C-alpha atoms as a PDB file:
ATOM      1  CA  UNK A   1       8.058   2.397  31.943  1.00  0.00           C
ATOM      2  CA  UNK A   2      10.377   1.216  34.643  1.00  0.00           C
ATOM      3  CA  UNK A   3      14.172   1.393  34.296  1.00  0.00           C
ATOM      4  CA  UNK A   4      14.675  -2.377  34.023  1.00  0.00           C
ATOM      5  CA  UNK A   5      12.160  -2.549  31.018  1.00  0.00           C
ATOM      6  CA  UNK A   6      13.994   0.329  29.212  1.00  0.00           C
ATOM      7  CA  UNK A   7      17.213  -1.521  29.546  1.00  0.00           C
ATOM      8  CA  UNK A   8      15.520  -4.755  28.357  1.00  0.00           C
ATOM      9  CA  UNK A   9      14.211  -2.883  25.378  1.00  0.00           C
ATOM     10  CA  UNK A  10      17.481  -1.163  24.564  1.00  0.00           C
ATOM     11  CA  UNK A  11      19.249  -4.499  24.831  1.00  0.00           C
ATOM     12  CA  UNK A  12      16.859  -6.255  22.538  1.00  0.00           C
ATOM     13  CA  UNK A  13      17.213  -3.342  19.941  1.00  0.00           C
ATOM     14  CA  UNK A  14      20.992  -3.444  20.135  1.00  0.00           C
ATOM     15  CA  UNK A  15      21.049  -7.250  19.566  1.00  0.00           C
ATOM     16  CA  UNK A  16      19.210  -6.628  16.251  1.00  0.00           C
ATOM     17  CA  UNK A  17      22.122  -4.585  15.083  1.00  0.00           C
ATOM     18  CA  UNK A  18      24.690  -7.325  15.597  1.00  0.00           C
ATOM     19  CA  UNK A  19      25.813  -9.692  12.789  1.00  0.00           C
ATOM     20  CA  UNK A  20      23.794 -12.840  12.733  1.00  0.00           C
ATOM     21  CA  UNK A  21      26.874 -14.916  13.352  1.00  0.00           C
ATOM     22  CA  UNK A  22      27.799 -12.910  16.412  1.00  0.00           C
ATOM     23  CA  UNK A  23      24.210 -13.265  17.868  1.00  0.00           C
ATOM     24  CA  UNK A  24      24.436 -16.985  17.627  1.00  0.00           C
ATOM     25  CA  UNK A  25      27.963 -17.062  19.093  1.00  0.00           C
ATOM     26  CA  UNK A  26      26.740 -14.705  22.053  1.00  0.00           C
ATOM     27  CA  UNK A  27      23.859 -17.139  22.702  1.00  0.00           C
ATOM     28  CA  UNK A  28      26.408 -19.822  23.850  1.00  0.00           C
ATOM     29  CA  UNK A  29      24.897 -22.534  21.638  1.00  0.00           C
ATOM     30  CA  UNK A  30      24.821 -23.690  18.090  1.00  0.00           C
ATOM     31  CA  UNK A  31      22.145 -22.524  15.735  1.00  0.00           C
ATOM     32  CA  UNK A  32      18.672 -24.021  16.908  1.00  0.00           C
ATOM     33  CA  UNK A  33      17.153 -25.963  14.058  1.00  0.00           C
ATOM     34  CA  UNK A  34      13.831 -27.696  14.317  1.00  0.00           C
ATOM     35  CA  UNK A  35      12.343 -29.473  11.308  1.00  0.00           C
ATOM     36  CA  UNK A  36      14.769 -27.926   8.989  1.00  0.00           C
ATOM     37  CA  UNK A  37      13.912 -24.366  10.127  1.00  0.00           C
ATOM     38  CA  UNK A  38      16.466 -22.268  11.933  1.00  0.00           C
ATOM     39  CA  UNK A  39      15.398 -20.064  14.819  1.00  0.00           C
ATOM     40  CA  UNK A  40      16.116 -16.364  14.226  1.00  0.00           C
ATOM     41  CA  UNK A  41      19.526 -15.519  15.688  1.00  0.00           C
ATOM     42  CA  UNK A  42      18.221 -12.407  17.591  1.00  0.00           C
ATOM     43  CA  UNK A  43      15.395 -14.634  19.036  1.00  0.00           C
ATOM     44  CA  UNK A  44      18.015 -17.166  19.925  1.00  0.00           C
ATOM     45  CA  UNK A  45      20.204 -14.565  21.730  1.00  0.00           C
ATOM     46  CA  UNK A  46      17.339 -13.027  23.528  1.00  0.00           C
ATOM     47  CA  UNK A  47      16.280 -16.394  24.740  1.00  0.00           C
ATOM     48  CA  UNK A  48      19.807 -17.055  26.085  1.00  0.00           C
ATOM     49  CA  UNK A  49      19.863 -13.776  27.796  1.00  0.00           C
ATOM     50  CA  UNK A  50      16.625 -14.644  29.559  1.00  0.00           C
ATOM     51  CA  UNK A  51      17.846 -17.931  30.883  1.00  0.00           C
ATOM     52  CA  UNK A  52      17.919 -18.202  34.632  1.00  0.00           C
ATOM     53  CA  UNK A  53      14.978 -15.752  35.101  1.00  0.00           C
ATOM     54  CA  UNK A  54      12.028 -17.326  36.490  1.00  0.00           C
ATOM     55  CA  UNK A  55       9.251 -16.922  33.846  1.00  0.00           C
ATOM     56  CA  UNK A  56       6.249 -15.256  34.896  1.00  0.00           C
ATOM     57  CA  UNK A  57       2.936 -17.110  34.398  1.00  0.00           C
ATOM     58  CA  UNK A  58       0.651 -15.880  31.605  1.00  0.00           C
ATOM     59  CA  UNK A  59      -1.404 -13.798  34.028  1.00  0.00           C
ATOM     60  CA  UNK A  60       0.824 -13.461  37.071  1.00  0.00           C
ATOM     61  CA  UNK A  61       0.459 -11.695  39.394  1.00  0.00           C
ATOM     62  CA  UNK A  62      -2.899 -10.527  38.108  1.00  0.00           C
ATOM     63  CA  UNK A  63      -4.610 -10.555  34.715  1.00  0.00           C
ATOM     64  CA  UNK A  64      -3.920  -6.968  34.133  1.00  0.00           C
ATOM     65  CA  UNK A  65      -0.214  -7.195  34.880  1.00  0.00           C
ATOM     66  CA  UNK A  66       0.000 -10.229  32.546  1.00  0.00           C
ATOM     67  CA  UNK A  67      -1.664  -8.227  29.690  1.00  0.00           C
ATOM     68  CA  UNK A  68       0.560  -5.164  30.338  1.00  0.00           C
ATOM     69  CA  UNK A  69       3.714  -7.527  30.269  1.00  0.00           C
ATOM     70  CA  UNK A  70       2.519  -9.111  27.100  1.00  0.00           C
ATOM     71  CA  UNK A  71       1.997  -5.871  25.366  1.00  0.00           C
ATOM     72  CA  UNK A  72       5.313  -4.698  26.528  1.00  0.00           C
ATOM     73  CA  UNK A  73       7.126  -7.749  25.435  1.00  0.00           C
ATOM     74  CA  UNK A  74       5.744  -7.780  21.910  1.00  0.00           C
ATOM     75  CA  UNK A  75       7.113  -4.325  21.240  1.00  0.00           C
ATOM     76  CA  UNK A  76      10.522  -5.709  21.690  1.00  0.00           C
ATOM     77  CA  UNK A  77      10.083  -7.674  18.455  1.00  0.00           C
ATOM     78  CA  UNK A  78       8.508  -4.910  16.551  1.00  0.00           C
ATOM     79  CA  UNK A  79      10.958  -2.052  15.990  1.00  0.00           C
ATOM     80  CA  UNK A  80       9.983  -1.490  12.333  1.00  0.00           C
ATOM     81  CA  UNK A  81       6.534  -2.578  11.330  1.00  0.00           C
ATOM     82  CA  UNK A  82       6.222  -4.385   7.973  1.00  0.00           C
ATOM     83  CA  UNK A  83       4.877  -2.148   5.302  1.00  0.00           C
ATOM     84  CA  UNK A  84       1.403  -2.938   3.917  1.00  0.00           C
ATOM     85  CA  UNK A  85      -0.798  -0.935   1.600  1.00  0.00           C
ATOM     86  CA  UNK A  86      -2.934   0.655   4.236  1.00  0.00           C
ATOM     87  CA  UNK A  87      -4.184   0.026   7.891  1.00  0.00           C
ATOM     88  CA  UNK A  88      -7.609   1.191   9.171  1.00  0.00           C
ATOM     89  CA  UNK A  89      -9.066   0.777  12.653  1.00  0.00           C
ATOM     90  CA  UNK A  90     -12.863   0.817  13.062  1.00  0.00           C
ATOM     91  CA  UNK A  91     -15.653  -1.014  14.853  1.00  0.00           C
ATOM     92  CA  UNK A  92     -18.240  -3.509  13.868  1.00  0.00           C
ATOM     93  CA  UNK A  93     -21.052  -4.282  16.081  1.00  0.00           C
ATOM     94  CA  UNK A  94     -19.283  -3.025  19.127  1.00  0.00           C
ATOM     95  CA  UNK A  95     -15.926  -4.974  18.257  1.00  0.00           C
ATOM     96  CA  UNK A  96     -12.807  -3.184  17.489  1.00  0.00           C
ATOM     97  CA  UNK A  97     -11.121  -4.514  14.335  1.00  0.00           C
ATOM     98  CA  UNK A  98      -8.178  -3.516  12.296  1.00  0.00           C
ATOM     99  CA  UNK A  99      -8.135  -3.984   8.385  1.00  0.00           C
ATOM    100  CA  UNK A 100      -4.775  -4.644   6.721  1.00  0.00           C
ATOM    101  CA  UNK A 101      -4.999  -3.910   2.975  1.00  0.00           C
ATOM    102  CA  UNK A 102      -2.282  -5.268   0.676  1.00  0.00           C
ATOM    103  CA  UNK A 103      -0.598  -3.071  -2.035  1.00  0.00           C
ATOM    104  CA  UNK A 104      -2.753  -4.716  -4.675  1.00  0.00           C
ATOM    105  CA  UNK A 105      -6.320  -3.809  -4.834  1.00  0.00           C
ATOM    106  CA  UNK A 106      -7.795  -6.564  -7.193  1.00  0.00           C
ATOM    107  CA  UNK A 107     -10.322  -8.142  -4.951  1.00  0.00           C
ATOM    108  CA  UNK A 108      -7.800 -10.615  -3.288  1.00  0.00           C
ATOM    109  CA  UNK A 109      -8.755 -13.009  -0.431  1.00  0.00           C
ATOM    110  CA  UNK A 110      -9.305 -12.015   3.234  1.00  0.00           C
ATOM    111  CA  UNK A 111      -8.439 -13.609   6.407  1.00  0.00           C
ATOM    112  CA  UNK A 112     -10.321 -12.895   9.528  1.00  0.00           C
ATOM    113  CA  UNK A 113      -7.546 -12.994  12.144  1.00  0.00           C
ATOM    114  CA  UNK A 114      -8.060 -13.938  15.859  1.00  0.00           C
ATOM    115  CA  UNK A 115      -5.094 -13.093  17.976  1.00  0.00           C
ATOM    116  CA  UNK A 116      -3.594 -15.468  20.522  1.00  0.00           C
ATOM    117  CA  UNK A 117      -3.314 -15.172  24.320  1.00  0.00           C
ATOM    118  CA  UNK A 118      -5.553 -17.979  25.595  1.00  0.00           C
ATOM    119  CA  UNK A 119      -8.597 -15.993  25.290  1.00  0.00           C
ATOM    120  CA  UNK A 120      -7.211 -13.852  28.160  1.00  0.00           C
ATOM    121  CA  UNK A 121      -4.434 -11.603  26.915  1.00  0.00           C
ATOM    122  CA  UNK A 122      -3.553 -10.154  23.387  1.00  0.00           C
ATOM    123  CA  UNK A 123      -5.109  -7.504  21.391  1.00  0.00           C
ATOM    124  CA  UNK A 124      -4.737  -5.732  18.069  1.00  0.00           C
ATOM    125  CA  UNK A 125      -1.486  -4.170  18.894  1.00  0.00           C
ATOM    126  CA  UNK A 126       0.228  -7.236  20.310  1.00  0.00           C
ATOM    127  CA  UNK A 127      -0.642  -9.132  16.946  1.00  0.00           C
ATOM    128  CA  UNK A 128      -0.016  -6.147  14.688  1.00  0.00           C
ATOM    129  CA  UNK A 129       3.233  -7.449  13.068  1.00  0.00           C
ATOM    130  CA  UNK A 130       1.943 -11.047  12.405  1.00  0.00           C
ATOM    131  CA  UNK A 131      -1.169  -9.410  10.576  1.00  0.00           C
ATOM    132  CA  UNK A 132       1.181  -7.081   8.648  1.00  0.00           C
ATOM    133  CA  UNK A 133       3.409  -9.997   7.527  1.00  0.00           C
ATOM    134  CA  UNK A 134       0.300 -12.131   6.633  1.00  0.00           C
ATOM    135  CA  UNK A 135      -0.983  -9.156   4.599  1.00  0.00           C
ATOM    136  CA  UNK A 136       2.211  -8.380   2.861  1.00  0.00           C
ATOM    137  CA  UNK A 137       3.681 -11.752   2.171  1.00  0.00           C
ATOM    138  CA  UNK A 138       0.535 -13.644   1.418  1.00  0.00           C
ATOM    139  CA  UNK A 139      -0.999 -10.789  -0.436  1.00  0.00           C
ATOM    140  CA  UNK A 140      -4.408 -10.902   1.399  1.00  0.00           C
ATOM    141  CA  UNK A 141      -6.524  -8.532   3.205  1.00  0.00           C
ATOM    142  CA  UNK A 142      -6.389  -9.232   6.933  1.00  0.00           C
ATOM    143  CA  UNK A 143      -9.313  -8.294   9.283  1.00  0.00           C
ATOM    144  CA  UNK A 144      -7.855  -8.606  12.842  1.00  0.00           C
ATOM    145  CA  UNK A 145     -10.615  -8.831  15.536  1.00  0.00           C
ATOM    146  CA  UNK A 146     -10.405  -7.645  19.220  1.00  0.00           C
ATOM    147  CA  UNK A 147     -12.742 -10.268  20.581  1.00  0.00           C
ATOM    148  CA  UNK A 148     -13.827  -9.957  24.275  1.00  0.00           C
ATOM    149  CA  UNK A 149     -11.441 -11.530  26.778  1.00  0.00           C
ATOM    150  CA  UNK A 150     -11.934 -13.621  29.851  1.00  0.00           C
ATOM    151  CA  UNK A 151     -12.350 -13.480  32.702  1.00  0.00           C
ATOM    152  CA  UNK A 152     -14.387 -10.272  32.231  1.00  0.00           C
ATOM    153  CA  UNK A 153     -16.330 -11.944  29.388  1.00  0.00           C
ATOM    154  CA  UNK A 154     -16.526 -15.746  30.006  1.00  0.00           C
ATOM    155  CA  UNK A 155     -16.961 -18.383  27.378  1.00  0.00           C
ATOM    156  CA  UNK A 156     -18.623 -18.321  24.883  1.00  0.00           C
ATOM    157  CA  UNK A 157     -18.234 -14.505  24.525  1.00  0.00           C
ATOM    158  CA  UNK A 158     -14.996 -14.763  22.289  1.00  0.00           C
ATOM    159  CA  UNK A 159     -16.586 -17.484  20.215  1.00  0.00           C
ATOM    160  CA  UNK A 160     -19.675 -15.383  19.566  1.00  0.00           C
ATOM    161  CA  UNK A 161     -17.440 -12.432  18.681  1.00  0.00           C
ATOM    162  CA  UNK A 162     -15.499 -14.459  16.277  1.00  0.00           C
ATOM    163  CA  UNK A 163     -18.576 -15.758  14.494  1.00  0.00           C
ATOM    164  CA  UNK A 164     -20.074 -12.278  14.300  1.00  0.00           C
ATOM    165  CA  UNK A 165     -16.892 -10.940  12.907  1.00  0.00           C
ATOM    166  CA  UNK A 166     -16.628 -13.660  10.297  1.00  0.00           C
ATOM    167  CA  UNK A 167     -20.215 -13.151   9.211  1.00  0.00           C
ATOM    168  CA  UNK A 168     -19.567  -9.454   8.906  1.00  0.00           C
ATOM    169  CA  UNK A 169     -16.405  -9.972   6.796  1.00  0.00           C
ATOM    170  CA  UNK A 170     -18.346 -12.267   4.420  1.00  0.00           C
ATOM    171  CA  UNK A 171     -21.063  -9.697   4.017  1.00  0.00           C
ATOM    172  CA  UNK A 172     -18.682  -6.710   3.768  1.00  0.00           C
ATOM    173  CA  UNK A 173     -15.496  -7.974   2.187  1.00  0.00           C
ATOM    174  CA  UNK A 174     -16.260  -6.258  -1.076  1.00  0.00           C
ATOM    175  CA  UNK A 175     -16.531  -2.812   0.538  1.00  0.00           C
ATOM    176  CA  UNK A 176     -13.064  -3.372   1.931  1.00  0.00           C
ATOM    177  CA  UNK A 177     -11.607  -4.336  -1.566  1.00  0.00           C
ATOM    178  CA  UNK A 178     -11.586  -8.156  -0.956  1.00  0.00           C
ATOM    179  CA  UNK A 179     -13.393 -11.204  -2.577  1.00  0.00           C
ATOM    180  CA  UNK A 180     -16.380 -12.104  -0.529  1.00  0.00           C
ATOM    181  CA  UNK A 181     -16.237 -15.618  -1.903  1.00  0.00           C
ATOM    182  CA  UNK A 182     -12.561 -16.022  -0.556  1.00  0.00           C
ATOM    183  CA  UNK A 183     -12.839 -15.190   3.209  1.00  0.00           C
ATOM    184  CA  UNK A 184     -11.048 -17.492   5.585  1.00  0.00           C
ATOM    185  CA  UNK A 185     -10.345 -17.503   9.365  1.00  0.00           C
ATOM    186  CA  UNK A 186      -6.840 -17.812  10.993  1.00  0.00           C
ATOM    187  CA  UNK A 187      -4.852 -16.735  13.767  1.00  0.00           C
ATOM    188  CA  UNK A 188      -2.742 -18.321  16.567  1.00  0.00           C
ATOM    189  CA  UNK A 189      -3.185 -19.919  19.939  1.00  0.00           C
ATOM    190  CA  UNK A 190      -6.783 -19.061  20.749  1.00  0.00           C
END
């Protein structure tokens, strides 16, 4: 990892230790509130610290560079992963998946989760924390799917992968401890 990235990560981690009021004060603006929801003070401060930098495009200068930057940047906001009952990585029909099991084991619902990234970037690791939070706070099983990404795998590859994963989840939910009658799909962006 380059020195500037190490400094960026260290800065982000240090901002998490600051009192929330100080984070807001250092951002140079009042708390940001949209639709009654306040932006997390650490995110507000990091956003302010990034002002003036030209944001890179999603896949600039290359797809590989965009993917690496996205992986790197998501680590900043995940210093302590949310605790869940268990996490298991495996494959179904050639697709990598990650199953998050809640603490309870009473056959609860399952969400088949498709990560964001415009069908070009993102993976199981970049969306680990949102899946953990969904599992813990909604109390549901989460099956996160690493569908094939473009441009290496053009449309409709990701859609076919999503449908195959959903069908697999419906057929195998009980073996994971979930209720096969309560399987939903979710995710973000893509």
